[in-house]
């Protein structure tokens, strides 16, 4: 098993940076009573503050168990700081049985909301294998996010883990973060943040990041719509023979966006992508063959490319194939099916 030098996670009452500086004097009984009333009424922030008061013994008898109880109430209402603090109690075994997997669960909830302390804690969990398997790439991703959120301790994590990863994985992490924001799965969906991270990857001339950023420019997501910039990015990525970038160029040439309309150039880009196994390239090339745009009309070829795209799971390709099938003779259908079979044998001979 891979073993790393241990990072110490930032933890509350074992050090959470998100916690406000301790008061100069303990809270008065009147302050505690007001806080208690708000907390019992369901106010998540008051529940968090009361939990911290119990953990620190600030105006109340110190009790980790009571701290955990109030952190949990706040955390279950979605308060990110409470989620992080509850994770730290599980990590340390304070007021609750130590449970590293449970700690990671709560860190992840808070990290998703953008809390830098929780992102740092989650990064250290991946680095040390605390409650999750050691995954250097994931550690690097979350250290980058924590650093971006202003966590100064993350700087060391970014430098240390980054030095352990190949350059390609470091730039891949930038794309991964962009994808996380774009999809809204591991982070709250945010197109502007997605564009920011794609742009960082594109600055290193990473073709997938360039293509992803181009898509955002084409769709006007997270940035102003700019087809000229999209074409520039796709041109750069296509020079590295990246199939999605070739599809991107095909779309721009076909529609005449950011460049004069040119069906021949569109067909050429779609073909390059399709012959590399790209399902979108296959689908679009099939459409051009069906219409006779940029290529001589050939419905057998169109049907063949539709079938290949459908086999790879391209949305809508099977419907297009079905719609075209009625216009073909049995001989043409057999020819297309034979071409599909030959493609499958060439591309994945272990299936047969």
Protein backbone atom coordinates (compact mmCIF):
# COMPACT_ATOMS: atom_id res chain seq x y z
CA UNK A 1 0.00 0.00 0.00
CA UNK A 2 1.26 3.47 -0.86
CA UNK A 3 2.14 5.46 2.25
CA UNK A 4 2.59 9.21 2.41
CA UNK A 5 3.91 11.58 5.01
CA UNK A 6 0.80 12.68 6.86
CA UNK A 7 -0.83 16.07 6.37
CA UNK A 8 -2.62 17.27 9.49
CA UNK A 9 -6.18 18.20 8.55
CA UNK A 10 -7.51 21.54 9.69
CA UNK A 11 -10.07 20.58 12.31
CA UNK A 12 -12.21 22.50 14.68
CA UNK A 13 -10.98 22.64 18.29
CA UNK A 14 -8.08 20.95 16.78
CA UNK A 15 -7.86 24.08 14.63
CA UNK A 16 -10.59 24.85 12.03
CA UNK A 17 -9.65 28.08 10.30
CA UNK A 18 -13.31 28.87 9.60
CA UNK A 19 -13.98 29.33 13.33
CA UNK A 20 -14.14 32.91 14.52
CA UNK A 21 -11.39 34.04 16.90
CA UNK A 22 -12.24 33.17 20.52
CA UNK A 23 -14.04 35.86 22.48
CA UNK A 24 -11.97 37.84 24.97
CA UNK A 25 -14.35 36.83 27.74
CA UNK A 26 -16.66 33.81 28.06
CA UNK A 27 -20.20 34.28 26.88
CA UNK A 28 -22.58 35.39 29.60
CA UNK A 29 -25.45 33.24 30.80
CA UNK A 30 -27.81 35.71 29.10
CA UNK A 31 -25.96 35.34 25.78
CA UNK A 32 -26.05 31.55 26.06
CA UNK A 33 -29.78 31.63 26.85
CA UNK A 34 -30.48 33.74 23.75
CA UNK A 35 -28.30 31.48 21.63
CA UNK A 36 -29.98 28.39 23.03
CA UNK A 37 -33.44 29.77 22.26
CA UNK A 38 -32.55 30.49 18.65
CA UNK A 39 -30.86 27.13 18.25
CA UNK A 40 -33.84 25.27 19.67
CA UNK A 41 -36.09 27.25 17.31
CA UNK A 42 -34.13 25.74 14.43
CA UNK A 43 -31.73 28.52 13.43
CA UNK A 44 -28.80 26.71 11.77
CA UNK A 45 -26.22 29.42 12.45
CA UNK A 46 -27.14 29.56 16.14
CA UNK A 47 -26.88 25.77 16.32
CA UNK A 48 -23.37 25.98 14.86
CA UNK A 49 -22.29 28.70 17.27
CA UNK A 50 -23.80 26.87 20.24
CA UNK A 51 -21.98 23.70 19.20
CA UNK A 52 -18.71 25.62 19.15
CA UNK A 53 -19.48 27.09 22.56
CA UNK A 54 -19.91 23.58 23.98
CA UNK A 55 -16.75 22.35 22.28
CA UNK A 56 -14.71 25.25 23.69
CA UNK A 57 -16.48 25.46 27.06
CA UNK A 58 -17.38 29.06 26.24
CA UNK A 59 -20.11 30.10 28.69
CA UNK A 60 -21.20 26.48 29.18
CA UNK A 61 -19.71 23.37 30.70
CA UNK A 62 -17.46 21.88 28.02
CA UNK A 63 -19.10 18.90 26.35
CA UNK A 64 -18.01 17.31 23.09
CA UNK A 65 -21.20 15.26 23.06
CA UNK A 66 -23.36 18.40 23.18
CA UNK A 67 -21.14 20.01 20.55
CA UNK A 68 -21.70 17.05 18.24
CA UNK A 69 -25.45 17.16 18.81
CA UNK A 70 -25.68 20.83 17.82
CA UNK A 71 -23.27 20.48 14.92
CA UNK A 72 -25.41 17.66 13.60
CA UNK A 73 -28.62 19.70 13.78
CA UNK A 74 -26.97 22.54 11.86
CA UNK A 75 -25.19 20.22 9.42
CA UNK A 76 -28.41 18.44 8.55
CA UNK A 77 -29.87 21.81 7.57
CA UNK A 78 -26.99 22.26 5.10
CA UNK A 79 -24.69 24.57 7.05
CA UNK A 80 -21.27 23.94 5.48
CA UNK A 81 -19.20 24.97 8.50
CA UNK A 82 -21.23 22.70 10.76
CA UNK A 83 -20.76 19.85 8.29
CA UNK A 84 -17.02 20.41 8.34
CA UNK A 85 -16.95 20.64 12.15
CA UNK A 86 -19.01 17.47 12.50
CA UNK A 87 -16.61 15.72 10.15
CA UNK A 88 -13.73 16.82 12.35
CA UNK A 89 -15.39 15.41 15.47
CA UNK A 90 -15.76 12.06 13.72
CA UNK A 91 -12.17 12.20 12.53
CA UNK A 92 -10.87 12.84 16.06
CA UNK A 93 -13.41 10.72 17.91
CA UNK A 94 -14.50 13.65 20.06
CA UNK A 95 -18.02 13.32 21.41
CA UNK A 96 -18.66 10.41 19.05
CA UNK A 97 -17.00 7.15 18.11
CA UNK A 98 -14.11 7.78 15.73
CA UNK A 99 -15.24 7.05 12.16
CA UNK A 100 -13.04 8.22 9.30
CA UNK A 101 -15.56 7.27 6.61
CA UNK A 102 -18.25 9.30 8.35
CA UNK A 103 -15.79 12.19 8.64
CA UNK A 104 -15.20 12.07 4.88
CA UNK A 105 -18.95 12.02 4.24
CA UNK A 106 -19.41 15.31 6.08
CA UNK A 107 -16.25 16.89 4.69
CA UNK A 108 -17.51 16.08 1.21
CA UNK A 109 -20.88 17.74 1.84
CA UNK A 110 -19.17 20.92 3.00
CA UNK A 111 -16.53 20.79 0.26
CA UNK A 112 -19.28 20.57 -2.35
CA UNK A 113 -20.56 23.91 -1.12
CA UNK A 114 -17.14 25.50 -1.61
CA UNK A 115 -15.92 25.65 1.98
CA UNK A 116 -12.13 25.80 1.61
CA UNK A 117 -11.43 24.24 5.04
CA UNK A 118 -13.53 21.21 4.15
CA UNK A 119 -11.88 20.95 0.74
CA UNK A 120 -8.51 20.93 2.47
CA UNK A 121 -9.70 18.26 4.91
CA UNK A 122 -11.04 16.13 2.06
CA UNK A 123 -7.72 16.52 0.21
CA UNK A 124 -5.78 15.31 3.24
CA UNK A 125 -8.12 12.34 3.54
CA UNK A 126 -7.30 11.31 -0.05
CA UNK A 127 -3.60 11.93 0.54
CA UNK A 128 -3.42 9.95 3.78
CA UNK A 129 -6.03 7.30 3.02
CA UNK A 130 -8.22 8.40 5.96
CA UNK A 131 -11.66 6.98 5.30
CA UNK A 132 -10.99 6.69 1.56
CA UNK A 133 -8.35 5.04 -0.60
CA UNK A 134 -5.20 7.02 -1.26
CA UNK A 135 -5.70 8.79 -4.58
CA UNK A 136 -3.05 11.41 -5.31
CA UNK A 137 -5.00 12.86 -8.23
CA UNK A 138 -8.08 13.49 -6.06
CA UNK A 139 -5.90 14.91 -3.29
CA UNK A 140 -4.39 17.34 -5.80
CA UNK A 141 -7.84 18.34 -7.11
CA UNK A 142 -9.15 19.18 -3.66
CA UNK A 143 -5.94 20.93 -2.60
CA UNK A 144 -6.26 23.10 -5.73
CA UNK A 145 -9.85 23.95 -4.82
CA UNK A 146 -8.93 24.73 -1.22
CA UNK A 147 -6.07 26.92 -2.42
CA UNK A 148 -8.42 28.72 -4.79
CA UNK A 149 -10.78 29.28 -1.87
CA UNK A 150 -8.06 31.02 0.12
CA UNK A 151 -6.84 28.22 2.39
CA UNK A 152 -3.16 29.06 2.88
CA UNK A 153 -2.29 25.60 4.18
CA UNK A 154 -3.36 24.16 0.85
CA UNK A 155 -0.37 25.80 -0.84
CA UNK A 156 1.93 23.14 0.60
CA UNK A 157 -0.47 20.40 -0.48
CA UNK A 158 -0.62 21.70 -4.04
CA UNK A 159 3.16 21.92 -4.24
CA UNK A 160 3.87 18.56 -2.60
CA UNK A 161 1.26 16.46 -4.34
CA UNK A 162 1.77 18.31 -7.62
CA UNK A 163 5.44 17.33 -7.56
CA UNK A 164 4.38 13.67 -7.33
CA UNK A 165 2.12 13.78 -10.38
CA UNK A 166 3.15 13.71 -14.05
CA UNK A 167 2.64 17.09 -15.79
CA UNK A 168 -0.22 15.63 -17.81
CA UNK A 169 -2.15 14.72 -14.66
CA UNK A 170 -1.64 18.18 -13.18
CA UNK A 171 -3.29 19.84 -16.15
CA UNK A 172 -5.90 17.07 -16.29
CA UNK A 173 -6.86 18.10 -12.76
CA UNK A 174 -7.76 21.58 -14.03
CA UNK A 175 -10.07 20.05 -16.64
CA UNK A 176 -11.54 17.72 -14.00
CA UNK A 177 -12.42 20.64 -11.75
CA UNK A 178 -14.02 22.45 -14.67
CA UNK A 179 -16.07 19.35 -15.41
CA UNK A 180 -17.11 19.07 -11.77
CA UNK A 181 -18.47 22.62 -11.83
CA UNK A 182 -20.10 22.16 -15.24
CA UNK A 183 -21.84 18.93 -14.23
CA UNK A 184 -22.80 20.02 -10.72
CA UNK A 185 -22.10 16.59 -9.27
CA UNK A 186 -19.19 16.91 -6.81
CA UNK A 187 -19.48 20.70 -6.62
CA UNK A 188 -22.45 23.01 -6.87
CA UNK A 189 -23.08 23.72 -10.55
CA UNK A 190 -21.37 26.93 -11.63
CA UNK A 191 -20.66 27.68 -15.31
CA UNK A 192 -18.47 30.68 -14.50
CA UNK A 193 -16.24 28.56 -12.32
CA UNK A 194 -16.17 25.86 -15.00
CA UNK A 195 -14.97 28.43 -17.54
CA UNK A 196 -12.30 29.67 -15.14
CA UNK A 197 -10.81 26.20 -14.67
CA UNK A 198 -11.13 25.25 -18.36
CA UNK A 199 -9.30 28.48 -19.17
CA UNK A 200 -6.45 27.50 -16.85
CA UNK A 201 -6.16 24.16 -18.61
CA UNK A 202 -6.40 25.75 -22.03
CA UNK A 203 -3.56 28.11 -21.12
CA UNK A 204 -1.36 24.98 -21.01
CA UNK A 205 -2.65 24.02 -24.49
CA UNK A 206 -4.43 20.96 -23.10
CA UNK A 207 -6.69 19.84 -26.01
CA UNK A 208 -9.58 18.53 -23.86
CA UNK A 209 -9.60 21.77 -21.85
CA UNK A 210 -9.45 23.84 -25.04
CA UNK A 211 -12.37 21.90 -26.51
CA UNK A 212 -14.38 22.18 -23.28
CA UNK A 213 -13.77 25.93 -23.12
CA UNK A 214 -14.72 26.26 -26.79
CA UNK A 215 -18.02 24.54 -26.03
CA UNK A 216 -18.73 27.10 -23.31
CA UNK A 217 -18.01 29.94 -25.75
CA UNK A 218 -20.28 28.34 -28.36
CA UNK A 219 -23.14 27.93 -25.91
CA UNK A 220 -22.56 31.19 -24.05
CA UNK A 221 -22.32 29.40 -20.72
CA UNK A 222 -20.33 31.10 -18.01
CA UNK A 223 -18.99 33.61 -20.55
CA UNK A 224 -20.18 35.74 -23.44
CA UNK A 225 -20.91 33.78 -26.61
CA UNK A 226 -17.92 34.07 -28.93
CA UNK A 227 -17.72 31.79 -31.96
CA UNK A 228 -14.43 33.28 -33.11
CA UNK A 229 -12.75 32.37 -29.83
CA UNK A 230 -14.38 28.94 -29.96
CA UNK A 231 -12.88 28.36 -33.40
CA UNK A 232 -9.44 29.49 -32.25
CA UNK A 233 -9.52 27.03 -29.37
CA UNK A 234 -10.82 24.17 -31.50
CA UNK A 235 -8.18 24.86 -34.16
CA UNK A 236 -5.50 24.58 -31.48
CA UNK A 237 -6.89 21.34 -30.06
CA UNK A 238 -7.50 19.84 -33.51
CA UNK A 239 -3.83 20.32 -34.38
CA UNK A 240 -3.21 17.72 -31.66
CA UNK A 241 -5.66 15.40 -33.46
CA UNK A 242 -8.21 15.62 -30.63
CA UNK A 243 -11.47 14.25 -32.12
CA UNK A 244 -13.98 16.40 -30.17
CA UNK A 245 -12.12 19.49 -31.40
CA UNK A 246 -12.55 18.27 -34.97
CA UNK A 247 -16.28 17.90 -34.33
CA UNK A 248 -16.30 21.41 -32.90
CA UNK A 249 -14.72 22.75 -36.08
CA UNK A 250 -17.18 20.77 -38.17
CA UNK A 251 -20.10 22.35 -36.37
CA UNK A 252 -18.69 25.85 -36.84
CA UNK A 253 -17.99 25.33 -40.54
CA UNK A 254 -21.37 23.70 -41.13
CA UNK A 255 -23.29 26.54 -39.49
CA UNK A 256 -20.96 29.34 -40.62
CA UNK A 257 -20.31 30.52 -37.07
CA UNK A 258 -17.03 32.33 -36.44
CA UNK A 259 -16.01 31.40 -39.99
CA UNK A 260 -17.62 31.40 -43.46
CA UNK A 261 -19.97 28.47 -44.03
CA UNK A 262 -18.05 25.64 -45.68
CA UNK A 263 -19.66 22.21 -45.94
CA UNK A 264 -16.55 20.66 -47.48
CA UNK A 265 -14.45 21.71 -44.49
CA UNK A 266 -17.19 20.52 -42.12
CA UNK A 267 -17.30 17.10 -43.78
CA UNK A 268 -13.52 16.79 -43.67
CA UNK A 269 -13.44 17.52 -39.90
CA UNK A 270 -16.35 15.20 -39.16
CA UNK A 271 -14.66 12.43 -41.14
CA UNK A 272 -11.41 12.80 -39.23
CA UNK A 273 -13.28 12.59 -35.96
CA UNK A 274 -15.46 9.69 -37.13
CA UNK A 275 -12.52 7.65 -38.37
CA UNK A 276 -10.92 8.17 -34.95
CA UNK A 277 -13.98 6.55 -33.38
CA UNK A 278 -15.80 9.69 -32.23
CA UNK A 279 -19.54 9.01 -32.07
CA UNK A 280 -20.57 12.64 -32.58
CA UNK A 281 -18.34 12.87 -35.64
CA UNK A 282 -19.99 9.72 -36.98
CA UNK A 283 -23.47 11.11 -36.41
CA UNK A 284 -22.75 14.46 -38.05
CA UNK A 285 -20.96 12.86 -40.98
CA UNK A 286 -23.97 10.61 -41.50
CA UNK A 287 -26.20 13.67 -41.61
CA UNK A 288 -24.05 15.29 -44.31
CA UNK A 289 -24.13 12.10 -46.39
CA UNK A 290 -27.89 11.96 -45.98
CA UNK A 291 -28.30 15.55 -47.22
CA UNK A 292 -25.44 15.57 -49.73
CA UNK A 293 -23.71 18.54 -48.07
CA UNK A 294 -19.93 18.67 -48.47
CA UNK A 295 -20.01 15.10 -49.83
CA UNK A 296 -21.87 13.33 -52.61
CA UNK A 297 -25.25 12.22 -51.30
CA UNK A 298 -25.00 8.56 -50.24
CA UNK A 299 -27.77 7.26 -48.01
CA UNK A 300 -26.07 3.90 -47.55
CA UNK A 301 -23.02 5.67 -46.15
CA UNK A 302 -25.30 7.87 -44.02
CA UNK A 303 -27.05 4.80 -42.64
CA UNK A 304 -23.70 3.14 -41.91
CA UNK A 305 -22.41 6.12 -39.93
CA UNK A 306 -25.71 6.43 -38.05
CA UNK A 307 -25.52 2.77 -37.04
CA UNK A 308 -21.91 3.13 -35.87
CA UNK A 309 -22.78 6.22 -33.85
CA UNK A 310 -25.80 4.46 -32.34
CA UNK A 311 -23.66 1.46 -31.35
CA UNK A 312 -21.44 3.86 -29.38
CA UNK A 313 -24.45 5.41 -27.65
CA UNK A 314 -24.80 8.69 -29.53
CA UNK A 315 -28.21 10.19 -28.66
CA UNK A 316 -30.56 10.36 -31.64
CA UNK A 317 -28.37 8.28 -33.96
CA UNK A 318 -30.57 5.19 -33.81
CA UNK A 319 -33.69 7.25 -34.53
CA UNK A 320 -31.98 8.78 -37.57
CA UNK A 321 -30.94 5.32 -38.75
CA UNK A 322 -34.48 4.01 -38.32
CA UNK A 323 -35.92 6.97 -40.23
CA UNK A 324 -33.49 6.44 -43.10
CA UNK A 325 -33.89 2.66 -43.28
CA UNK A 326 -37.22 2.88 -45.08
CA UNK A 327 -35.53 4.69 -47.97
CA UNK A 328 -32.99 1.90 -48.51
CA UNK A 329 -33.18 -1.39 -50.38
CA UNK A 330 -32.44 -4.65 -48.61
CA UNK A 331 -29.14 -4.77 -50.52
CA UNK A 332 -28.14 -1.32 -49.25
CA UNK A 333 -29.09 -2.24 -45.67
CA UNK A 334 -27.02 -5.43 -45.88
CA UNK A 335 -24.06 -3.45 -47.25
CA UNK A 336 -24.26 -0.99 -44.36
CA UNK A 337 -24.59 -3.74 -41.76
CA UNK A 338 -21.55 -5.49 -43.24
CA UNK A 339 -19.54 -2.26 -43.01
CA UNK A 340 -20.57 -1.86 -39.38
CA UNK A 341 -19.50 -5.43 -38.61
CA UNK A 342 -16.13 -4.90 -40.30
CA UNK A 343 -15.62 -1.71 -38.29
CA UNK A 344 -16.38 -3.54 -35.07
CA UNK A 345 -13.92 -6.31 -35.89
CA UNK A 346 -11.19 -3.80 -36.73
CA UNK A 347 -11.75 -1.66 -33.67
CA UNK A 348 -12.48 -4.38 -31.07
CA UNK A 349 -11.38 -7.78 -32.33
CA UNK A 350 -11.63 -9.28 -28.82
CA UNK A 351 -15.43 -9.15 -29.10
CA UNK A 352 -15.40 -11.92 -31.73
